[in-house]
C-alpha atoms as a PDB file:
ATOM      1  CA  MET A   1      49.214 129.937   6.120  1.00  0.00           C
ATOM      2  CA  THR A   2      46.739 128.738   3.604  1.00  0.00           C
ATOM      3  CA  PRO A   3      44.908 131.331   1.221  1.00  0.00           C
ATOM      4  CA  ALA A   4      41.071 131.102   0.837  1.00  0.00           C
ATOM      5  CA  VAL A   5      38.954 131.570  -1.991  1.00  0.00           C
ATOM      6  CA  ALA A   6      35.491 133.300  -1.779  1.00  0.00           C
ATOM      7  CA  ILE A   7      33.236 132.987  -5.011  1.00  0.00           C
ATOM      8  CA  LEU A   8      30.267 134.793  -5.646  1.00  0.00           C
ATOM      9  CA  ALA A   9      28.119 132.569  -8.139  1.00  0.00           C
ATOM     10  CA  HIS A  10      24.946 132.757  -9.755  1.00  0.00           C
ATOM     11  CA  LYS A  11      25.074 130.991 -13.120  1.00  0.00           C
ATOM     12  CA  ASN A  12      27.143 128.481 -15.271  1.00  0.00           C
ATOM     13  CA  PHE A  13      27.696 126.025 -12.136  1.00  0.00           C
ATOM     14  CA  ASP A  14      29.295 123.440 -13.963  1.00  0.00           C
ATOM     15  CA  ARG A  15      32.012 125.930 -14.835  1.00  0.00           C
ATOM     16  CA  VAL A  16      32.152 126.911 -11.235  1.00  0.00           C
ATOM     17  CA  ALA A  17      32.334 123.520  -9.934  1.00  0.00           C
ATOM     18  CA  GLN A  18      35.502 122.646 -12.635  1.00  0.00           C
ATOM     19  CA  VAL A  19      37.045 125.918 -10.887  1.00  0.00           C
ATOM     20  CA  VAL A  20      36.441 124.930  -7.513  1.00  0.00           C
ATOM     21  CA  ARG A  21      37.614 121.304  -7.848  1.00  0.00           C
ATOM     22  CA  PHE A  22      41.003 122.737  -9.241  1.00  0.00           C
ATOM     23  CA  LEU A  23      41.532 125.212  -6.559  1.00  0.00           C
ATOM     24  CA  SER A  24      40.577 122.739  -3.739  1.00  0.00           C
ATOM     25  CA  ASP A  25      42.688 119.963  -5.137  1.00  0.00           C
ATOM     26  CA  ALA A  26      45.595 122.567  -5.362  1.00  0.00           C
ATOM     27  CA  GLY A  27      45.245 122.910  -1.293  1.00  0.00           C
ATOM     28  CA  LEU A  28      43.154 126.210  -1.445  1.00  0.00           C
ATOM     29  CA  TYR A  29      40.263 126.732   0.883  1.00  0.00           C
ATOM     30  CA  VAL A  30      37.020 127.413  -0.947  1.00  0.00           C
ATOM     31  CA  CYS A  31      33.750 129.182   0.029  1.00  0.00           C
ATOM     32  CA  ILE A  32      31.090 129.687  -2.351  1.00  0.00           C
ATOM     33  CA  HIS A  33      28.117 131.743  -2.165  1.00  0.00           C
ATOM     34  CA  VAL A  34      25.347 131.057  -4.684  1.00  0.00           C
ATOM     35  CA  ASP A  35      22.539 133.869  -5.056  1.00  0.00           C
ATOM     36  CA  GLN A  36      19.473 133.167  -3.563  1.00  0.00           C
ATOM     37  CA  SER A  37      17.764 133.928  -6.697  1.00  0.00           C
ATOM     38  CA  VAL A  38      18.734 130.550  -7.926  1.00  0.00           C
ATOM     39  CA  SER A  39      16.249 128.080  -7.841  1.00  0.00           C
ATOM     40  CA  PRO A  40      16.684 125.338  -5.125  1.00  0.00           C
ATOM     41  CA  ASP A  41      16.873 122.644  -7.742  1.00  0.00           C
ATOM     42  CA  ARG A  42      19.529 124.162  -9.286  1.00  0.00           C
ATOM     43  CA  PHE A  43      21.415 124.860  -6.084  1.00  0.00           C
ATOM     44  CA  ASN A  44      20.997 121.366  -5.087  1.00  0.00           C
ATOM     45  CA  LYS A  45      22.304 119.956  -8.193  1.00  0.00           C
ATOM     46  CA  PHE A  46      25.423 122.272  -8.185  1.00  0.00           C
ATOM     47  CA  LYS A  47      25.982 121.309  -4.581  1.00  0.00           C
ATOM     48  CA  THR A  48      25.560 117.681  -5.204  1.00  0.00           C
ATOM     49  CA  SER A  49      28.137 117.883  -8.036  1.00  0.00           C
ATOM     50  CA  LEU A  50      30.761 118.700  -5.408  1.00  0.00           C
ATOM     51  CA  SER A  51      29.861 116.238  -2.826  1.00  0.00           C
ATOM     52  CA  ASN A  52      33.166 114.708  -3.145  1.00  0.00           C
ATOM     53  CA  PHE A  53      34.726 118.039  -1.896  1.00  0.00           C
ATOM     54  CA  PRO A  54      33.385 117.760   2.050  1.00  0.00           C
ATOM     55  CA  ASP A  55      35.667 120.774   3.066  1.00  0.00           C
ATOM     56  CA  VAL A  56      33.848 123.416   0.590  1.00  0.00           C
ATOM     57  CA  LEU A  57      32.365 125.794   2.542  1.00  0.00           C
ATOM     58  CA  TRP A  58      28.450 126.856   1.546  1.00  0.00           C
ATOM     59  CA  ALA A  59      28.057 130.280   2.661  1.00  0.00           C
ATOM     60  CA  LYS A  60      24.435 131.572   3.688  1.00  0.00           C
ATOM     61  CA  ARG A  61      22.758 132.550   0.716  1.00  0.00           C
ATOM     62  CA  ILE A  62      21.414 136.180   0.073  1.00  0.00           C
ATOM     63  CA  ASP A  63      19.491 137.575  -2.741  1.00  0.00           C
ATOM     64  CA  CYS A  64      22.092 139.756  -4.539  1.00  0.00           C
ATOM     65  CA  GLU A  65      21.547 142.733  -7.042  1.00  0.00           C
ATOM     66  CA  TRP A  66      23.850 144.565  -8.973  1.00  0.00           C
ATOM     67  CA  GLY A  67      24.581 148.076  -7.314  1.00  0.00           C
ATOM     68  CA  ARG A  68      23.142 147.428  -4.043  1.00  0.00           C
ATOM     69  CA  PHE A  69      24.525 146.778  -0.498  1.00  0.00           C
ATOM     70  CA  SER A  70      23.359 143.001  -0.991  1.00  0.00           C
ATOM     71  CA  LEU A  71      26.717 142.131  -2.529  1.00  0.00           C
ATOM     72  CA  VAL A  72      28.723 143.616   0.311  1.00  0.00           C
ATOM     73  CA  GLU A  73      26.378 141.797   2.648  1.00  0.00           C
ATOM     74  CA  ALA A  74      27.117 138.442   1.094  1.00  0.00           C
ATOM     75  CA  THR A  75      30.907 139.015   0.671  1.00  0.00           C
ATOM     76  CA  LEU A  76      30.897 140.231   4.539  1.00  0.00           C
ATOM     77  CA  GLY A  77      29.060 136.777   5.157  1.00  0.00           C
ATOM     78  CA  MET A  78      31.475 134.562   3.305  1.00  0.00           C
ATOM     79  CA  SER A  79      34.401 136.534   5.044  1.00  0.00           C
ATOM     80  CA  THR A  80      32.961 135.781   8.619  1.00  0.00           C
ATOM     81  CA  GLU A  81      32.288 131.976   7.891  1.00  0.00           C
ATOM     82  CA  ILE A  82      35.768 131.659   6.241  1.00  0.00           C
ATOM     83  CA  LEU A  83      37.540 133.168   9.214  1.00  0.00           C
ATOM     84  CA  ALA A  84      35.599 131.239  11.625  1.00  0.00           C
ATOM     85  CA  LYS A  85      36.185 127.761   9.850  1.00  0.00           C
ATOM     86  CA  TRP A  86      39.812 128.270   9.103  1.00  0.00           C
ATOM     87  CA  PRO A  87      41.949 129.749  11.602  1.00  0.00           C
ATOM     88  CA  ASP A  88      45.098 129.443   9.381  1.00  0.00           C
ATOM     89  CA  ALA A  89      43.308 131.226   6.482  1.00  0.00           C
ATOM     90  CA  GLY A  90      45.993 134.149   6.042  1.00  0.00           C
ATOM     91  CA  HIS A  91      44.350 135.913   3.123  1.00  0.00           C
ATOM     92  CA  VAL A  92      40.956 135.827   1.501  1.00  0.00           C
ATOM     93  CA  MET A  93      40.780 136.283  -2.440  1.00  0.00           C
ATOM     94  CA  LEU A  94      37.516 137.343  -3.632  1.00  0.00           C
ATOM     95  CA  LEU A  95      36.353 135.982  -7.241  1.00  0.00           C
ATOM     96  CA  SER A  96      33.181 135.828  -9.518  1.00  0.00           C
ATOM     97  CA  GLY A  97      31.954 132.798 -10.783  1.00  0.00           C
ATOM     98  CA  ASP A  98      33.337 133.450 -14.105  1.00  0.00           C
ATOM     99  CA  SER A  99      36.825 133.517 -13.080  1.00  0.00           C
ATOM    100  CA  LEU A 100      39.876 131.271 -13.849  1.00  0.00           C
ATOM    101  CA  PRO A 101      43.379 130.726 -12.550  1.00  0.00           C
ATOM    102  CA  ILE A 102      45.685 132.123 -15.143  1.00  0.00           C
ATOM    103  CA  ARG A 103      48.988 131.210 -13.072  1.00  0.00           C
ATOM    104  CA  PRO A 104      49.381 127.843 -11.116  1.00  0.00           C
ATOM    105  CA  PRO A 105      47.832 127.528  -7.713  1.00  0.00           C
ATOM    106  CA  ALA A 106      50.956 127.029  -5.973  1.00  0.00           C
ATOM    107  CA  GLU A 107      52.440 130.341  -7.292  1.00  0.00           C
ATOM    108  CA  PHE A 108      49.489 132.241  -5.697  1.00  0.00           C
ATOM    109  CA  ILE A 109      50.132 130.302  -2.496  1.00  0.00           C
ATOM    110  CA  THR A 110      53.585 131.274  -2.245  1.00  0.00           C
ATOM    111  CA  PHE A 111      53.231 134.732  -3.304  1.00  0.00           C
ATOM    112  CA  LEU A 112      50.810 135.650  -0.487  1.00  0.00           C
ATOM    113  CA  GLN A 113      52.855 133.563   2.029  1.00  0.00           C
ATOM    114  CA  ASP A 114      55.695 135.761   0.928  1.00  0.00           C
ATOM    115  CA  ASN A 115      53.434 138.813   1.524  1.00  0.00           C
ATOM    116  CA  PRO A 116      51.490 137.865   4.866  1.00  0.00           C
ATOM    117  CA  ASP A 117      50.788 141.476   5.916  1.00  0.00           C
ATOM    118  CA  VAL A 118      49.929 142.943   2.242  1.00  0.00           C
ATOM    119  CA  ASP A 119      46.179 143.645   1.318  1.00  0.00           C
ATOM    120  CA  PHE A 120      45.979 143.596  -2.442  1.00  0.00           C
ATOM    121  CA  ILE A 121      42.964 145.877  -3.148  1.00  0.00           C
ATOM    122  CA  GLU A 122      42.517 148.641  -5.939  1.00  0.00           C
ATOM    123  CA  SER A 123      41.780 151.564  -3.669  1.00  0.00           C
ATOM    124  CA  VAL A 124      41.768 155.088  -5.101  1.00  0.00           C
ATOM    125  CA  ALA A 125      40.711 158.220  -3.360  1.00  0.00           C
ATOM    126  CA  ILE A 126      37.672 159.550  -5.005  1.00  0.00           C
ATOM    127  CA  GLY A 127      38.922 162.641  -5.881  1.00  0.00           C
ATOM    128  CA  ASN A 128      41.376 160.987  -8.540  1.00  0.00           C
ATOM    129  CA  ASN A 129      38.289 160.522 -11.041  1.00  0.00           C
ATOM    130  CA  ASN A 130      40.680 158.591 -13.577  1.00  0.00           C
ATOM    131  CA  TRP A 131      39.306 155.452 -12.084  1.00  0.00           C
ATOM    132  CA  VAL A 132      35.554 156.311 -12.677  1.00  0.00           C
ATOM    133  CA  THR A 133      34.478 156.065 -16.360  1.00  0.00           C
ATOM    134  CA  GLY A 134      31.331 158.045 -16.835  1.00  0.00           C
ATOM    135  CA  GLY A 135      28.465 157.714 -14.347  1.00  0.00           C
ATOM    136  CA  LEU A 136      28.583 159.165 -10.532  1.00  0.00           C
ATOM    137  CA  GLY A 137      32.000 159.898  -8.429  1.00  0.00           C
ATOM    138  CA  ILE A 138      31.704 161.892  -5.212  1.00  0.00           C
ATOM    139  CA  GLU A 139      27.858 161.729  -5.420  1.00  0.00           C
ATOM    140  CA  ARG A 140      28.095 157.865  -4.883  1.00  0.00           C
ATOM    141  CA  PHE A 141      28.903 158.863  -1.458  1.00  0.00           C
ATOM    142  CA  THR A 142      26.997 161.967  -0.766  1.00  0.00           C
ATOM    143  CA  LEU A 143      23.381 161.091  -2.333  1.00  0.00           C
ATOM    144  CA  SER A 144      21.012 158.316  -1.371  1.00  0.00           C
ATOM    145  CA  PHE A 145      19.974 155.532  -3.508  1.00  0.00           C
ATOM    146  CA  PRO A 146      17.082 153.741  -2.096  1.00  0.00           C
ATOM    147  CA  PHE A 147      15.996 152.620  -5.880  1.00  0.00           C
ATOM    148  CA  ALA A 148      17.528 149.670  -7.821  1.00  0.00           C
ATOM    149  CA  TRP A 149      19.249 151.120 -11.166  1.00  0.00           C
ATOM    150  CA  LYS A 150      18.131 147.890 -13.222  1.00  0.00           C
ATOM    151  CA  LYS A 151      14.737 147.418 -11.851  1.00  0.00           C
ATOM    152  CA  GLN A 152      13.637 150.951 -10.856  1.00  0.00           C
ATOM    153  CA  ARG A 153      15.597 152.886 -13.360  1.00  0.00           C
ATOM    154  CA  ARG A 154      12.890 155.916 -13.827  1.00  0.00           C
ATOM    155  CA  LEU A 155      12.780 156.418  -9.973  1.00  0.00           C
ATOM    156  CA  PHE A 156      16.581 156.077  -9.639  1.00  0.00           C
ATOM    157  CA  ASP A 157      17.006 158.946 -12.241  1.00  0.00           C
ATOM    158  CA  LEU A 158      14.054 160.912 -10.839  1.00  0.00           C
ATOM    159  CA  TRP A 159      15.477 160.773  -7.148  1.00  0.00           C
ATOM    160  CA  VAL A 160      19.046 161.689  -8.108  1.00  0.00           C
ATOM    161  CA  GLU A 161      17.888 164.886 -10.016  1.00  0.00           C
ATOM    162  CA  VAL A 162      15.600 165.804  -7.057  1.00  0.00           C
ATOM    163  CA  GLN A 163      18.581 165.492  -4.528  1.00  0.00           C
ATOM    164  CA  ARG A 164      20.852 167.635  -6.773  1.00  0.00           C
ATOM    165  CA  LYS A 165      17.968 170.346  -7.433  1.00  0.00           C
ATOM    166  CA  LEU A 166      17.165 170.569  -3.620  1.00  0.00           C
ATOM    167  CA  HIS A 167      20.898 170.179  -2.647  1.00  0.00           C
ATOM    168  CA  LEU A 168      20.032 167.301  -0.483  1.00  0.00           C
ATOM    169  CA  THR A 169      23.323 165.479   0.576  1.00  0.00           C
ATOM    170  CA  ARG A 170      24.367 162.921   3.258  1.00  0.00           C
ATOM    171  CA  ARG A 171      27.171 163.358   5.568  1.00  0.00           C
ATOM    172  CA  ILE A 172      30.151 160.930   5.238  1.00  0.00           C
ATOM    173  CA  PRO A 173      30.809 159.292   8.653  1.00  0.00           C
ATOM    174  CA  SER A 174      33.645 160.785  10.679  1.00  0.00           C
ATOM    175  CA  GLY A 175      37.016 158.866  10.020  1.00  0.00           C
ATOM    176  CA  LEU A 176      36.065 157.703   6.509  1.00  0.00           C
ATOM    177  CA  ARG A 177      37.642 159.008   3.645  1.00  0.00           C
ATOM    178  CA  PRO A 178      35.847 157.383   0.439  1.00  0.00           C
ATOM    179  CA  HIS A 179      37.883 155.310  -2.034  1.00  0.00           C
ATOM    180  CA  ILE A 180      36.947 153.483  -4.860  1.00  0.00           C
ATOM    181  CA  GLY A 181      38.130 150.207  -6.833  1.00  0.00           C
ATOM    182  CA  SER A 182      37.736 146.904  -8.244  1.00  0.00           C
ATOM    183  CA  GLN A 183      35.038 144.582  -6.204  1.00  0.00           C
ATOM    184  CA  TRP A 184      37.747 141.816  -6.703  1.00  0.00           C
ATOM    185  CA  TRP A 185      40.206 142.156  -3.692  1.00  0.00           C
ATOM    186  CA  CYS A 186      42.650 139.978  -1.824  1.00  0.00           C
ATOM    187  CA  LEU A 187      42.738 140.899   1.830  1.00  0.00           C
ATOM    188  CA  SER A 188      44.607 139.549   4.880  1.00  0.00           C
ATOM    189  CA  ARG A 189      43.136 137.897   7.708  1.00  0.00           C
ATOM    190  CA  GLN A 190      43.908 140.866   9.930  1.00  0.00           C
ATOM    191  CA  THR A 191      42.509 143.558   7.876  1.00  0.00           C
ATOM    192  CA  LEU A 192      39.229 141.677   7.342  1.00  0.00           C
ATOM    193  CA  GLU A 193      38.913 140.760  11.022  1.00  0.00           C
ATOM    194  CA  ALA A 194      39.541 144.538  11.715  1.00  0.00           C
ATOM    195  CA  ILE A 195      36.674 145.529   9.300  1.00  0.00           C
ATOM    196  CA  LEU A 196      34.246 142.724  10.652  1.00  0.00           C
ATOM    197  CA  HIS A 197      34.967 143.932  14.242  1.00  0.00           C
ATOM    198  CA  ASP A 198      35.193 147.464  13.588  1.00  0.00           C
ATOM    199  CA  PRO A 199      33.671 149.498  16.610  1.00  0.00           C
ATOM    200  CA  ALA A 200      31.696 151.602  13.899  1.00  0.00           C
ATOM    201  CA  ARG A 201      30.670 148.811  11.936  1.00  0.00           C
ATOM    202  CA  ALA A 202      26.960 149.254  12.253  1.00  0.00           C
ATOM    203  CA  ILE A 203      27.464 153.098  11.534  1.00  0.00           C
ATOM    204  CA  ASN A 204      29.418 152.046   8.405  1.00  0.00           C
ATOM    205  CA  ASP A 205      26.898 149.421   7.057  1.00  0.00           C
ATOM    206  CA  ALA A 206      24.155 151.905   7.578  1.00  0.00           C
ATOM    207  CA  TYR A 207      26.023 154.436   5.743  1.00  0.00           C
ATOM    208  CA  PHE A 208      27.260 152.236   2.795  1.00  0.00           C
ATOM    209  CA  ARG A 209      23.779 150.705   2.318  1.00  0.00           C
ATOM    210  CA  LYS A 210      22.561 153.824   0.971  1.00  0.00           C
ATOM    211  CA  CYS A 211      25.758 154.523  -1.359  1.00  0.00           C
ATOM    212  CA  TRP A 212      25.952 153.742  -5.130  1.00  0.00           C
ATOM    213  CA  ILE A 213      27.631 150.197  -6.049  1.00  0.00           C
ATOM    214  CA  PRO A 214      29.159 149.753  -2.491  1.00  0.00           C
ATOM    215  CA  ASP A 215      30.990 146.701  -3.336  1.00  0.00           C
ATOM    216  CA  GLU A 216      33.360 149.045  -5.271  1.00  0.00           C
ATOM    217  CA  SER A 217      33.782 151.166  -2.087  1.00  0.00           C
ATOM    218  CA  TYR A 218      33.013 149.618   0.975  1.00  0.00           C
ATOM    219  CA  PHE A 219      36.331 147.282   1.478  1.00  0.00           C
ATOM    220  CA  GLN A 220      38.135 149.993  -0.564  1.00  0.00           C
ATOM    221  CA  THR A 221      37.776 152.555   1.849  1.00  0.00           C
ATOM    222  CA  LEU A 222      37.471 150.430   5.204  1.00  0.00           C
ATOM    223  CA  ALA A 223      41.012 148.826   4.338  1.00  0.00           C
ATOM    224  CA  ARG A 224      42.468 152.316   4.027  1.00  0.00           C
ATOM    225  CA  ASN A 225      41.573 152.336   7.802  1.00  0.00           C
ATOM    226  CA  HIS A 226      43.057 148.912   9.035  1.00  0.00           C
ATOM    227  CA  ALA A 227      45.517 147.416   6.710  1.00  0.00           C
ATOM    228  CA  ARG A 228      49.218 147.600   7.456  1.00  0.00           C
ATOM    229  CA  THR A 229      50.306 147.871   3.714  1.00  0.00           C
ATOM    230  CA  ILE A 230      48.020 148.147   0.715  1.00  0.00           C
ATOM    231  CA  GLU A 231      49.277 147.217  -2.804  1.00  0.00           C
ATOM    232  CA  SER A 232      46.621 149.155  -4.822  1.00  0.00           C
ATOM    233  CA  ARG A 233      45.958 146.420  -7.509  1.00  0.00           C
ATOM    234  CA  SER A 234      43.738 143.504  -8.056  1.00  0.00           C
ATOM    235  CA  LEU A 235      45.340 140.017  -8.229  1.00  0.00           C
ATOM    236  CA  LEU A 236      42.466 139.242 -10.658  1.00  0.00           C
ATOM    237  CA  PHE A 237      42.423 140.984 -14.168  1.00  0.00           C
ATOM    238  CA  SER A 238      39.502 142.408 -16.080  1.00  0.00           C
ATOM    239  CA  ARG A 239      39.182 144.454 -19.133  1.00  0.00           C
ATOM    240  CA  PHE A 240      36.842 147.160 -19.812  1.00  0.00           C
ATOM    241  CA  ASP A 241      35.448 148.728 -22.891  1.00  0.00           C
ATOM    242  CA  HIS A 242      35.200 152.564 -23.358  1.00  0.00           C
ATOM    243  CA  GLN A 243      31.934 152.638 -21.370  1.00  0.00           C
ATOM    244  CA  GLY A 244      33.598 151.035 -18.146  1.00  0.00           C
ATOM    245  CA  LYS A 245      31.850 147.663 -18.946  1.00  0.00           C
ATOM    246  CA  PRO A 246      33.938 144.232 -18.477  1.00  0.00           C
ATOM    247  CA  THR A 247      34.544 142.551 -21.611  1.00  0.00           C
ATOM    248  CA  ALA A 248      34.561 138.884 -22.101  1.00  0.00           C
ATOM    249  CA  PHE A 249      37.400 136.406 -22.640  1.00  0.00           C
ATOM    250  CA  TYR A 250      37.487 133.502 -25.189  1.00  0.00           C
ATOM    251  CA  ASP A 251      39.642 130.655 -26.628  1.00  0.00           C
ATOM    252  CA  ASP A 252      41.879 132.875 -28.436  1.00  0.00           C
ATOM    253  CA  HIS A 253      42.848 135.049 -25.603  1.00  0.00           C
ATOM    254  CA  ALA A 254      44.978 132.565 -23.807  1.00  0.00           C
ATOM    255  CA  GLY A 255      48.318 134.155 -25.087  1.00  0.00           C
ATOM    256  CA  LEU A 256      47.021 137.507 -23.818  1.00  0.00           C
ATOM    257  CA  LEU A 257      46.277 136.073 -20.323  1.00  0.00           C
ATOM    258  CA  GLY A 258      49.716 134.586 -20.341  1.00  0.00           C
ATOM    259  CA  THR A 259      51.025 137.901 -20.021  1.00  0.00           C
ATOM    260  CA  ILE A 260      49.045 139.382 -17.395  1.00  0.00           C
ATOM    261  CA  ASP A 261      50.638 140.351 -14.106  1.00  0.00           C
ATOM    262  CA  ALA A 262      47.595 138.677 -12.278  1.00  0.00           C
ATOM    263  CA  PHE A 263      46.674 135.078 -10.932  1.00  0.00           C
ATOM    264  CA  PHE A 264      43.196 135.214 -12.021  1.00  0.00           C
ATOM    265  CA  ALA A 265      41.132 136.700 -14.705  1.00  0.00           C
ATOM    266  CA  ARG A 266      37.411 137.004 -14.965  1.00  0.00           C
ATOM    267  CA  LYS A 267      34.682 137.265 -17.513  1.00  0.00           C
ATOM    268  CA  ILE A 268      35.859 133.956 -19.087  1.00  0.00           C
ATOM    269  CA  TRP A 269      33.069 133.063 -21.480  1.00  0.00           C
ATOM    270  CA  ALA A 270      31.318 129.830 -20.591  1.00  0.00           C
ATOM    271  CA  GLY A 271      31.653 128.438 -24.058  1.00  0.00           C
ATOM    272  CA  SER A 272      35.458 128.593 -23.817  1.00  0.00           C
ATOM    273  CA  ALA A 273      36.459 124.930 -23.559  1.00  0.00           C
ATOM    274  CA  ARG A 274      39.951 125.186 -24.582  1.00  0.00           C
ATOM    275  CA  LEU A 275      40.531 128.104 -21.941  1.00  0.00           C
ATOM    276  CA  TYR A 276      39.104 125.774 -19.146  1.00  0.00           C
ATOM    277  CA  GLN A 277      40.894 122.798 -20.459  1.00  0.00           C
ATOM    278  CA  ARG A 278      44.101 124.583 -20.737  1.00  0.00           C
ATOM    279  CA  PHE A 279      44.025 126.596 -17.453  1.00  0.00           C
ATOM    280  CA  LEU A 280      42.771 123.867 -15.198  1.00  0.00           C
ATOM    281  CA  ASN A 281      45.566 121.546 -15.996  1.00  0.00           C
ATOM    282  CA  PRO A 282      47.171 120.553 -12.674  1.00  0.00           C
ATOM    283  CA  GLN A 283      50.132 119.029 -14.727  1.00  0.00           C
ATOM    284  CA  ALA A 284      51.337 122.287 -16.348  1.00  0.00           C
ATOM    285  CA  LYS A 285      54.030 124.132 -14.641  1.00  0.00           C
ATOM    286  CA  THR A 286      52.596 127.406 -15.770  1.00  0.00           C
ATOM    287  CA  LEU A 287      48.900 127.343 -17.005  1.00  0.00           C
ATOM    288  CA  THR A 288      49.658 129.333 -20.219  1.00  0.00           C
ATOM    289  CA  GLY A 289      53.035 128.197 -21.571  1.00  0.00           C
ATOM    290  CA  GLU A 290      54.230 131.640 -21.340  1.00  0.00           C
ATOM    291  CA  THR A 291      56.765 133.289 -19.517  1.00  0.00           C
ATOM    292  CA  THR A 292      55.710 133.502 -15.768  1.00  0.00           C
ATOM    293  CA  PRO A 293      55.221 137.428 -14.836  1.00  0.00           C
ATOM    294  CA  ASN A 294      57.726 138.911 -12.496  1.00  0.00           C
ATOM    295  CA  PHE A 295      55.388 139.323  -9.485  1.00  0.00           C
ATOM    296  CA  LYS A 296      56.281 142.107  -7.102  1.00  0.00           C
ATOM    297  CA  ARG A 297      57.340 141.171  -3.673  1.00  0.00           C
ATOM    298  CA  ILE A 298      56.689 143.587  -1.026  1.00  0.00           C
END
């Protein structure tokens, strides 16, 4: 079985293309979603830069907005297209456009082949509020969020307060226990197919469409209903500040990234030329020169 990588991209396409070439050359399947907000000229230029990689899959484009269901919709679309195109895709790894591999792709492939029935997704029951740093907890699931936080902040805040004062709540669909976690997961083919073909798919999608930041809860919740074995962690490393915002990595973080128990890292600054050169080196036995982490085999 060959893993597939699904990349959500919206900027720094020269860097994304470097990563795509590296992963594709290493034998991974690659699917790219380019945000619909990107102009046709920029999209076509990006696509042309990868014309020598005809096996790269270009997913149907959706206009994605932070905190909204559109990110889930784009991810569901990529997953559907990946599973249809590559019958031997055993896992799908979701990455952002600013992600880099921090271990050799061969190690990633071997790791997943050794764990064919395991889903690697951070999935924490919503009652365990240690995952949420500020902001909304259970209310993500019991209130409705028709307004965009970034573009309609005043209406967003006002509607939250109105719902609280009037005790307006939504019912969580039967059979769902809300879980939350990192957007960046690696799910098995079986689990993804079960989520995509769930008899309650229409109900689930309609419910999560009104949740707050559903990319951190849709798959994290539904995987609990369908997965055989969940390892509640991401194979992609992110570091966050005290406000829960991801921090960027620069050239001088190479040593740190070499000690991380993960295969990818995100929020790599596009100007970190030495990081891209060092990590995208197909000749390196390890991408950092550091000791290989002792990855857990299930």
